[in-house]
Amino acid sequence: MNLSIRLSKLNEPAVISLLQEHLENMREISPPESVHALDVAQLREPDVTFWCAWSEEDLLGCGALKQLTTTEGEIKSMRTAVSHRGKGVGQRLLDHVLSEARRRGYERLSLETGSQPEFEPARRMYAKAGFVACGPFAGYREDPNSVFMTRRLDCRG
């Protein structure tokens, strides 16, 4: 598949639609207090970098990197369009975020995802990429609906 990952200004209708779908889906699966997905305004904050994966004019997915400290980041808003799941889009986005985190000199990258069965494919992808379970970070609290994962980074990967 011809896939390119590029920065997004969060102004394309397809991107806004994918993010709305993401938020609605998170709210269907998790109780309100356990939904930690960022909305468009939060993704536009200066400490967040947001990318989209495209195949020509077809939006395949998105992902973001939030700076927590000068040496730590958090993966946010990872989403693959339903019609492109199982094609490696999420892995390509994750590889891109990992590469950018290393380029920035981050020593640690963490994430929060759901504990429900619907999130199992994401948890498997993160575990395969070297992420391990950890406790809450960056202001999160213990939550039976959340799984926290982290990974140390170095220049070799």
N, C-alpha and C. Protein backbone atom coordinates (compact mmCIF):
# COMPACT_ATOMS: atom_id res chain seq x y z
N MET A 1 0.84 -1.18 0.00
CA MET A 1 0.00 0.00 0.00
C MET A 1 0.89 1.24 0.00
N ASN A 2 0.54 2.18 -0.85
CA ASN A 2 1.24 3.47 -0.90
C ASN A 2 0.76 4.32 0.27
N LEU A 3 1.61 4.52 1.25
CA LEU A 3 1.23 5.22 2.47
C LEU A 3 2.23 6.33 2.75
N SER A 4 1.72 7.52 2.99
CA SER A 4 2.60 8.62 3.42
C SER A 4 2.06 9.18 4.73
N ILE A 5 2.98 9.53 5.60
CA ILE A 5 2.61 10.11 6.90
C ILE A 5 3.06 11.55 6.87
N ARG A 6 2.12 12.45 7.17
CA ARG A 6 2.45 13.87 7.16
C ARG A 6 1.76 14.60 8.29
N LEU A 7 2.38 15.71 8.69
CA LEU A 7 1.80 16.56 9.71
C LEU A 7 0.43 17.04 9.27
N SER A 8 -0.46 17.22 10.22
CA SER A 8 -1.80 17.72 9.92
C SER A 8 -2.06 18.98 10.73
N LYS A 9 -2.70 19.95 10.09
CA LYS A 9 -3.13 21.17 10.77
C LYS A 9 -4.51 20.98 11.38
N LEU A 10 -5.05 19.78 11.26
CA LEU A 10 -6.37 19.47 11.81
C LEU A 10 -7.45 20.37 11.22
N ASN A 11 -7.37 20.57 9.91
CA ASN A 11 -8.39 21.38 9.27
C ASN A 11 -9.06 20.68 8.09
N GLU A 12 -8.60 19.47 7.75
CA GLU A 12 -9.23 18.73 6.65
C GLU A 12 -10.50 18.05 7.16
N PRO A 13 -11.59 18.12 6.41
CA PRO A 13 -12.84 17.49 6.84
C PRO A 13 -12.70 16.00 7.14
N ALA A 14 -11.91 15.27 6.36
CA ALA A 14 -11.75 13.83 6.61
C ALA A 14 -11.07 13.58 7.95
N VAL A 15 -10.11 14.43 8.31
CA VAL A 15 -9.41 14.29 9.59
C VAL A 15 -10.36 14.58 10.75
N ILE A 16 -11.11 15.67 10.63
CA ILE A 16 -12.08 16.02 11.67
C ILE A 16 -13.09 14.89 11.85
N SER A 17 -13.55 14.34 10.75
CA SER A 17 -14.52 13.23 10.80
C SER A 17 -13.93 12.01 11.49
N LEU A 18 -12.68 11.65 11.16
CA LEU A 18 -12.03 10.50 11.81
C LEU A 18 -11.88 10.73 13.31
N LEU A 19 -11.52 11.94 13.70
CA LEU A 19 -11.38 12.24 15.13
C LEU A 19 -12.72 12.22 15.85
N GLN A 20 -13.77 12.68 15.19
CA GLN A 20 -15.11 12.61 15.80
C GLN A 20 -15.54 11.16 15.97
N GLU A 21 -15.26 10.34 14.94
CA GLU A 21 -15.56 8.91 15.03
C GLU A 21 -14.79 8.28 16.20
N HIS A 22 -13.53 8.67 16.34
CA HIS A 22 -12.68 8.15 17.42
C HIS A 22 -13.28 8.49 18.79
N LEU A 23 -13.61 9.75 19.00
CA LEU A 23 -14.19 10.17 20.28
C LEU A 23 -15.52 9.48 20.56
N GLU A 24 -16.38 9.40 19.55
CA GLU A 24 -17.68 8.73 19.73
C GLU A 24 -17.49 7.26 20.09
N ASN A 25 -16.54 6.59 19.41
CA ASN A 25 -16.28 5.20 19.69
C ASN A 25 -15.74 5.00 21.10
N MET A 26 -14.84 5.89 21.53
CA MET A 26 -14.30 5.79 22.89
C MET A 26 -15.42 5.95 23.92
N ARG A 27 -16.35 6.85 23.64
CA ARG A 27 -17.48 7.07 24.57
C ARG A 27 -18.46 5.91 24.58
N GLU A 28 -18.55 5.17 23.48
CA GLU A 28 -19.40 3.97 23.44
C GLU A 28 -18.80 2.84 24.26
N ILE A 29 -17.48 2.75 24.27
CA ILE A 29 -16.79 1.64 24.92
C ILE A 29 -16.52 1.89 26.40
N SER A 30 -16.15 3.12 26.74
CA SER A 30 -15.69 3.44 28.09
C SER A 30 -16.62 4.45 28.77
N PRO A 31 -16.71 4.38 30.10
CA PRO A 31 -17.48 5.40 30.81
C PRO A 31 -16.81 6.78 30.64
N PRO A 32 -17.57 7.86 30.76
CA PRO A 32 -17.04 9.20 30.50
C PRO A 32 -15.75 9.53 31.24
N GLU A 33 -15.65 9.12 32.50
CA GLU A 33 -14.46 9.45 33.29
C GLU A 33 -13.22 8.67 32.84
N SER A 34 -13.41 7.69 31.97
CA SER A 34 -12.30 6.87 31.50
C SER A 34 -11.92 7.16 30.05
N VAL A 35 -12.54 8.16 29.44
CA VAL A 35 -12.21 8.54 28.07
C VAL A 35 -11.15 9.63 28.12
N HIS A 36 -9.96 9.29 27.65
CA HIS A 36 -8.83 10.23 27.71
C HIS A 36 -8.40 10.69 26.32
N ALA A 37 -9.21 10.42 25.32
CA ALA A 37 -8.89 10.85 23.96
C ALA A 37 -8.97 12.37 23.87
N LEU A 38 -8.09 12.94 23.08
CA LEU A 38 -8.05 14.39 22.92
C LEU A 38 -8.99 14.82 21.79
N ASP A 39 -9.64 15.96 22.00
CA ASP A 39 -10.45 16.52 20.93
C ASP A 39 -9.58 17.39 20.02
N VAL A 40 -10.17 17.94 18.97
CA VAL A 40 -9.40 18.72 18.00
C VAL A 40 -8.68 19.89 18.65
N ALA A 41 -9.36 20.61 19.53
CA ALA A 41 -8.73 21.76 20.19
C ALA A 41 -7.52 21.32 21.01
N GLN A 42 -7.63 20.21 21.72
CA GLN A 42 -6.51 19.72 22.53
C GLN A 42 -5.37 19.23 21.65
N LEU A 43 -5.69 18.66 20.50
CA LEU A 43 -4.65 18.20 19.58
C LEU A 43 -3.91 19.37 18.92
N ARG A 44 -4.49 20.55 18.97
CA ARG A 44 -3.84 21.75 18.41
C ARG A 44 -2.94 22.44 19.42
N GLU A 45 -2.89 21.96 20.65
CA GLU A 45 -2.04 22.57 21.67
C GLU A 45 -0.57 22.48 21.24
N PRO A 46 0.26 23.43 21.65
CA PRO A 46 1.65 23.45 21.18
C PRO A 46 2.50 22.26 21.63
N ASP A 47 2.10 21.55 22.67
CA ASP A 47 2.88 20.40 23.13
C ASP A 47 2.49 19.10 22.43
N VAL A 48 1.61 19.18 21.42
CA VAL A 48 1.13 18.01 20.70
C VAL A 48 1.48 18.14 19.22
N THR A 49 2.02 17.07 18.65
CA THR A 49 2.27 16.98 17.22
C THR A 49 1.37 15.89 16.68
N PHE A 50 0.65 16.20 15.60
CA PHE A 50 -0.38 15.31 15.08
C PHE A 50 -0.09 14.97 13.62
N TRP A 51 -0.10 13.67 13.31
CA TRP A 51 0.14 13.20 11.95
C TRP A 51 -1.04 12.39 11.43
N CYS A 52 -1.15 12.36 10.12
CA CYS A 52 -2.12 11.50 9.47
C CYS A 52 -1.41 10.63 8.44
N ALA A 53 -1.93 9.43 8.27
CA ALA A 53 -1.45 8.51 7.25
C ALA A 53 -2.42 8.57 6.08
N TRP A 54 -1.87 8.77 4.90
CA TRP A 54 -2.68 8.92 3.70
C TRP A 54 -2.20 7.96 2.62
N SER A 55 -3.12 7.54 1.78
CA SER A 55 -2.82 6.88 0.53
C SER A 55 -3.49 7.73 -0.53
N GLU A 56 -2.69 8.56 -1.17
CA GLU A 56 -3.20 9.58 -2.08
C GLU A 56 -4.19 10.46 -1.31
N GLU A 57 -5.47 10.45 -1.67
CA GLU A 57 -6.46 11.29 -0.98
C GLU A 57 -7.26 10.52 0.06
N ASP A 58 -6.88 9.28 0.32
CA ASP A 58 -7.62 8.43 1.25
C ASP A 58 -6.96 8.48 2.63
N LEU A 59 -7.68 8.95 3.64
CA LEU A 59 -7.17 9.01 5.00
C LEU A 59 -7.21 7.62 5.61
N LEU A 60 -6.04 7.14 6.05
CA LEU A 60 -5.93 5.78 6.59
C LEU A 60 -5.95 5.75 8.11
N GLY A 61 -5.41 6.79 8.74
CA GLY A 61 -5.34 6.80 10.20
C GLY A 61 -4.62 8.04 10.69
N CYS A 62 -4.47 8.10 12.01
CA CYS A 62 -3.80 9.24 12.63
C CYS A 62 -3.14 8.83 13.93
N GLY A 63 -2.29 9.71 14.41
CA GLY A 63 -1.61 9.49 15.69
C GLY A 63 -0.93 10.78 16.12
N ALA A 64 -0.70 10.90 17.41
CA ALA A 64 -0.10 12.12 17.94
C ALA A 64 0.96 11.79 18.99
N LEU A 65 1.84 12.74 19.18
CA LEU A 65 2.88 12.67 20.20
C LEU A 65 2.77 13.92 21.07
N LYS A 66 2.54 13.71 22.34
CA LYS A 66 2.44 14.81 23.29
C LYS A 66 3.72 14.86 24.12
N GLN A 67 4.32 16.03 24.21
CA GLN A 67 5.51 16.19 25.05
C GLN A 67 5.07 16.33 26.49
N LEU A 68 5.57 15.46 27.35
CA LEU A 68 5.29 15.53 28.79
C LEU A 68 6.38 16.31 29.52
N THR A 69 7.64 15.99 29.20
CA THR A 69 8.80 16.70 29.73
C THR A 69 9.81 16.76 28.60
N THR A 70 10.98 17.28 28.86
CA THR A 70 12.00 17.33 27.81
C THR A 70 12.51 15.95 27.44
N THR A 71 12.26 14.95 28.28
CA THR A 71 12.75 13.59 28.00
C THR A 71 11.64 12.54 27.91
N GLU A 72 10.38 12.97 28.01
CA GLU A 72 9.28 12.00 28.00
C GLU A 72 8.14 12.47 27.11
N GLY A 73 7.54 11.50 26.41
CA GLY A 73 6.40 11.80 25.58
C GLY A 73 5.29 10.79 25.81
N GLU A 74 4.13 11.12 25.27
CA GLU A 74 2.96 10.25 25.37
C GLU A 74 2.33 10.09 23.99
N ILE A 75 1.99 8.88 23.64
CA ILE A 75 1.27 8.60 22.41
C ILE A 75 -0.20 8.92 22.66
N LYS A 76 -0.79 9.67 21.73
CA LYS A 76 -2.20 10.05 21.84
C LYS A 76 -2.89 9.82 20.49
N SER A 77 -4.20 9.65 20.56
CA SER A 77 -5.08 9.68 19.38
C SER A 77 -4.66 8.75 18.25
N MET A 78 -4.21 7.57 18.59
CA MET A 78 -3.91 6.57 17.57
C MET A 78 -5.24 5.99 17.08
N ARG A 79 -5.46 6.09 15.79
CA ARG A 79 -6.71 5.59 15.21
C ARG A 79 -6.48 5.18 13.77
N THR A 80 -6.93 4.00 13.42
CA THR A 80 -6.93 3.57 12.04
C THR A 80 -8.37 3.58 11.55
N ALA A 81 -8.58 4.14 10.36
CA ALA A 81 -9.92 4.14 9.78
C ALA A 81 -10.42 2.70 9.68
N VAL A 82 -11.68 2.49 9.97
CA VAL A 82 -12.25 1.14 10.02
C VAL A 82 -11.95 0.36 8.74
N SER A 83 -12.07 1.01 7.59
CA SER A 83 -11.87 0.32 6.32
C SER A 83 -10.42 -0.06 6.05
N HIS A 84 -9.50 0.39 6.90
CA HIS A 84 -8.08 0.09 6.68
C HIS A 84 -7.44 -0.70 7.83
N ARG A 85 -8.26 -1.18 8.74
CA ARG A 85 -7.71 -1.97 9.84
C ARG A 85 -7.16 -3.29 9.34
N GLY A 86 -6.12 -3.76 10.03
CA GLY A 86 -5.50 -5.02 9.66
C GLY A 86 -4.54 -4.92 8.48
N LYS A 87 -4.22 -3.71 8.05
CA LYS A 87 -3.33 -3.51 6.91
C LYS A 87 -1.97 -2.93 7.31
N GLY A 88 -1.72 -2.81 8.62
CA GLY A 88 -0.43 -2.30 9.07
C GLY A 88 -0.35 -0.80 9.23
N VAL A 89 -1.47 -0.10 9.09
CA VAL A 89 -1.47 1.36 9.22
C VAL A 89 -1.07 1.78 10.62
N GLY A 90 -1.66 1.16 11.63
CA GLY A 90 -1.34 1.49 13.01
C GLY A 90 0.14 1.27 13.31
N GLN A 91 0.69 0.19 12.81
CA GLN A 91 2.12 -0.09 13.03
C GLN A 91 2.99 0.96 12.37
N ARG A 92 2.64 1.37 11.17
CA ARG A 92 3.42 2.40 10.49
C ARG A 92 3.36 3.73 11.25
N LEU A 93 2.17 4.08 11.74
CA LEU A 93 2.05 5.30 12.54
C LEU A 93 2.85 5.20 13.83
N LEU A 94 2.77 4.04 14.49
CA LEU A 94 3.53 3.84 15.73
C LEU A 94 5.02 3.94 15.45
N ASP A 95 5.50 3.33 14.39
CA ASP A 95 6.91 3.43 14.04
C ASP A 95 7.32 4.89 13.81
N HIS A 96 6.44 5.65 13.18
CA HIS A 96 6.73 7.07 12.92
C HIS A 96 6.83 7.85 14.24
N VAL A 97 5.89 7.61 15.15
CA VAL A 97 5.91 8.30 16.44
C VAL A 97 7.16 7.91 17.23
N LEU A 98 7.50 6.63 17.23
CA LEU A 98 8.72 6.18 17.92
C LEU A 98 9.96 6.86 17.35
N SER A 99 10.02 6.94 16.05
CA SER A 99 11.16 7.58 15.39
C SER A 99 11.26 9.06 15.77
N GLU A 100 10.13 9.75 15.78
CA GLU A 100 10.13 11.16 16.16
C GLU A 100 10.51 11.34 17.63
N ALA A 101 10.02 10.47 18.49
CA ALA A 101 10.37 10.55 19.91
C ALA A 101 11.88 10.38 20.10
N ARG A 102 12.47 9.44 19.38
CA ARG A 102 13.93 9.25 19.45
C ARG A 102 14.65 10.48 18.92
N ARG A 103 14.17 11.02 17.80
CA ARG A 103 14.79 12.20 17.21
C ARG A 103 14.80 13.37 18.20
N ARG A 104 13.74 13.48 18.98
CA ARG A 104 13.64 14.55 19.98
C ARG A 104 14.50 14.28 21.21
N GLY A 105 15.04 13.09 21.32
CA GLY A 105 15.87 12.75 22.46
C GLY A 105 15.08 12.26 23.66
N TYR A 106 13.83 11.87 23.44
CA TYR A 106 13.05 11.33 24.56
C TYR A 106 13.67 10.03 25.05
N GLU A 107 13.63 9.84 26.34
CA GLU A 107 14.14 8.62 26.95
C GLU A 107 13.02 7.63 27.23
N ARG A 108 11.78 8.14 27.29
CA ARG A 108 10.64 7.28 27.62
C ARG A 108 9.43 7.75 26.82
N LEU A 109 8.65 6.77 26.38
CA LEU A 109 7.39 7.03 25.70
C LEU A 109 6.33 6.18 26.37
N SER A 110 5.22 6.79 26.73
CA SER A 110 4.16 6.09 27.45
C SER A 110 2.83 6.29 26.74
N LEU A 111 1.83 5.52 27.17
CA LEU A 111 0.50 5.64 26.59
C LEU A 111 -0.54 5.09 27.55
N GLU A 112 -1.76 5.50 27.30
CA GLU A 112 -2.93 4.96 28.01
C GLU A 112 -3.85 4.42 26.94
N THR A 113 -4.35 3.21 27.15
CA THR A 113 -5.33 2.62 26.25
C THR A 113 -6.37 1.91 27.10
N GLY A 114 -7.40 1.43 26.47
CA GLY A 114 -8.48 0.80 27.22
C GLY A 114 -8.17 -0.63 27.62
N SER A 115 -8.87 -1.08 28.66
CA SER A 115 -8.72 -2.46 29.13
C SER A 115 -9.77 -3.38 28.51
N GLN A 116 -10.74 -2.82 27.83
CA GLN A 116 -11.83 -3.60 27.26
C GLN A 116 -11.33 -4.44 26.07
N PRO A 117 -12.09 -5.49 25.73
CA PRO A 117 -11.68 -6.37 24.62
C PRO A 117 -11.47 -5.63 23.30
N GLU A 118 -12.19 -4.56 23.06
CA GLU A 118 -12.05 -3.81 21.81
C GLU A 118 -10.64 -3.24 21.63
N PHE A 119 -9.91 -3.07 22.73
CA PHE A 119 -8.56 -2.50 22.66
C PHE A 119 -7.47 -3.56 22.59
N GLU A 120 -7.84 -4.83 22.57
CA GLU A 120 -6.84 -5.90 22.55
C GLU A 120 -5.88 -5.79 21.36
N PRO A 121 -6.36 -5.52 20.14
CA PRO A 121 -5.40 -5.38 19.03
C PRO A 121 -4.37 -4.27 19.27
N ALA A 122 -4.81 -3.16 19.84
CA ALA A 122 -3.88 -2.06 20.14
C ALA A 122 -2.87 -2.50 21.20
N ARG A 123 -3.34 -3.14 22.25
CA ARG A 123 -2.42 -3.59 23.31
C ARG A 123 -1.39 -4.57 22.76
N ARG A 124 -1.81 -5.46 21.88
CA ARG A 124 -0.87 -6.41 21.26
C ARG A 124 0.17 -5.67 20.41
N MET A 125 -0.28 -4.69 19.64
CA MET A 125 0.65 -3.93 18.80
C MET A 125 1.67 -3.21 19.66
N TYR A 126 1.23 -2.58 20.75
CA TYR A 126 2.16 -1.87 21.62
C TYR A 126 3.12 -2.83 22.31
N ALA A 127 2.62 -3.97 22.77
CA ALA A 127 3.50 -4.96 23.43
C ALA A 127 4.54 -5.48 22.44
N LYS A 128 4.13 -5.74 21.21
CA LYS A 128 5.07 -6.20 20.18
C LYS A 128 6.16 -5.17 19.92
N ALA A 129 5.82 -3.89 20.11
CA ALA A 129 6.79 -2.80 19.89
C ALA A 129 7.63 -2.52 21.14
N GLY A 130 7.50 -3.35 22.18
CA GLY A 130 8.34 -3.21 23.35
C GLY A 130 7.74 -2.45 24.52
N PHE A 131 6.48 -2.08 24.42
CA PHE A 131 5.82 -1.40 25.54
C PHE A 131 5.43 -2.44 26.59
N VAL A 132 5.57 -2.06 27.85
CA VAL A 132 5.22 -2.94 28.96
C VAL A 132 4.25 -2.20 29.89
N ALA A 133 3.49 -2.96 30.64
CA ALA A 133 2.54 -2.37 31.58
C ALA A 133 3.28 -1.53 32.62
N CYS A 134 2.64 -0.46 33.02
CA CYS A 134 3.21 0.42 34.06
C CYS A 134 2.04 1.03 34.83
N GLY A 135 2.37 1.80 35.82
CA GLY A 135 1.35 2.49 36.57
C GLY A 135 0.95 3.79 35.88
N PRO A 136 -0.04 4.46 36.44
CA PRO A 136 -0.46 5.74 35.87
C PRO A 136 0.70 6.73 35.82
N PHE A 137 0.67 7.61 34.86
CA PHE A 137 1.71 8.63 34.68
C PHE A 137 1.01 9.94 34.30
N ALA A 138 1.74 11.02 34.37
CA ALA A 138 1.29 12.33 33.86
C ALA A 138 -0.11 12.74 34.32
N GLY A 139 -0.41 12.48 35.56
CA GLY A 139 -1.71 12.92 36.09
C GLY A 139 -2.84 11.92 35.95
N TYR A 140 -2.62 10.80 35.27
CA TYR A 140 -3.64 9.76 35.21
C TYR A 140 -3.79 9.14 36.59
N ARG A 141 -4.93 8.50 36.81
CA ARG A 141 -5.19 7.77 38.06
C ARG A 141 -5.49 6.32 37.73
N GLU A 142 -5.28 5.45 38.70
CA GLU A 142 -5.67 4.04 38.51
C GLU A 142 -7.12 4.00 38.05
N ASP A 143 -7.40 3.15 37.09
CA ASP A 143 -8.73 3.06 36.51
C ASP A 143 -8.88 1.66 35.92
N PRO A 144 -9.91 0.92 36.32
CA PRO A 144 -10.07 -0.43 35.79
C PRO A 144 -10.33 -0.44 34.28
N ASN A 145 -10.66 0.70 33.71
CA ASN A 145 -10.91 0.79 32.27
C ASN A 145 -9.68 1.21 31.48
N SER A 146 -8.57 1.43 32.16
CA SER A 146 -7.34 1.89 31.51
C SER A 146 -6.21 0.89 31.69
N VAL A 147 -5.38 0.82 30.66
CA VAL A 147 -4.12 0.09 30.71
C VAL A 147 -3.04 1.11 30.39
N PHE A 148 -2.05 1.20 31.25
CA PHE A 148 -0.93 2.13 31.06
C PHE A 148 0.27 1.32 30.61
N MET A 149 0.97 1.84 29.60
CA MET A 149 2.13 1.13 29.06
C MET A 149 3.25 2.14 28.84
N THR A 150 4.48 1.65 28.90
CA THR A 150 5.63 2.52 28.71
C THR A 150 6.75 1.76 28.04
N ARG A 151 7.67 2.53 27.52
CA ARG A 151 8.84 1.93 26.88
C ARG A 151 9.99 2.91 26.97
N ARG A 152 11.16 2.39 27.35
CA ARG A 152 12.38 3.21 27.33
C ARG A 152 12.85 3.30 25.88
N LEU A 153 13.44 4.42 25.54
CA LEU A 153 13.96 4.63 24.19
C LEU A 153 15.45 4.87 24.24
N ASP A 154 16.10 4.50 23.18
CA ASP A 154 17.49 4.89 22.97
C ASP A 154 17.66 5.11 21.48
N CYS A 155 18.78 5.56 21.07
CA CYS A 155 18.98 5.89 19.65
C CYS A 155 18.91 4.67 18.74
N ARG A 156 19.06 3.47 19.29
CA ARG A 156 19.02 2.25 18.48
C ARG A 156 17.61 1.71 18.33
N GLY A 157 16.69 2.19 19.18
CA GLY A 157 15.32 1.68 19.11
C GLY A 157 15.00 0.84 20.26
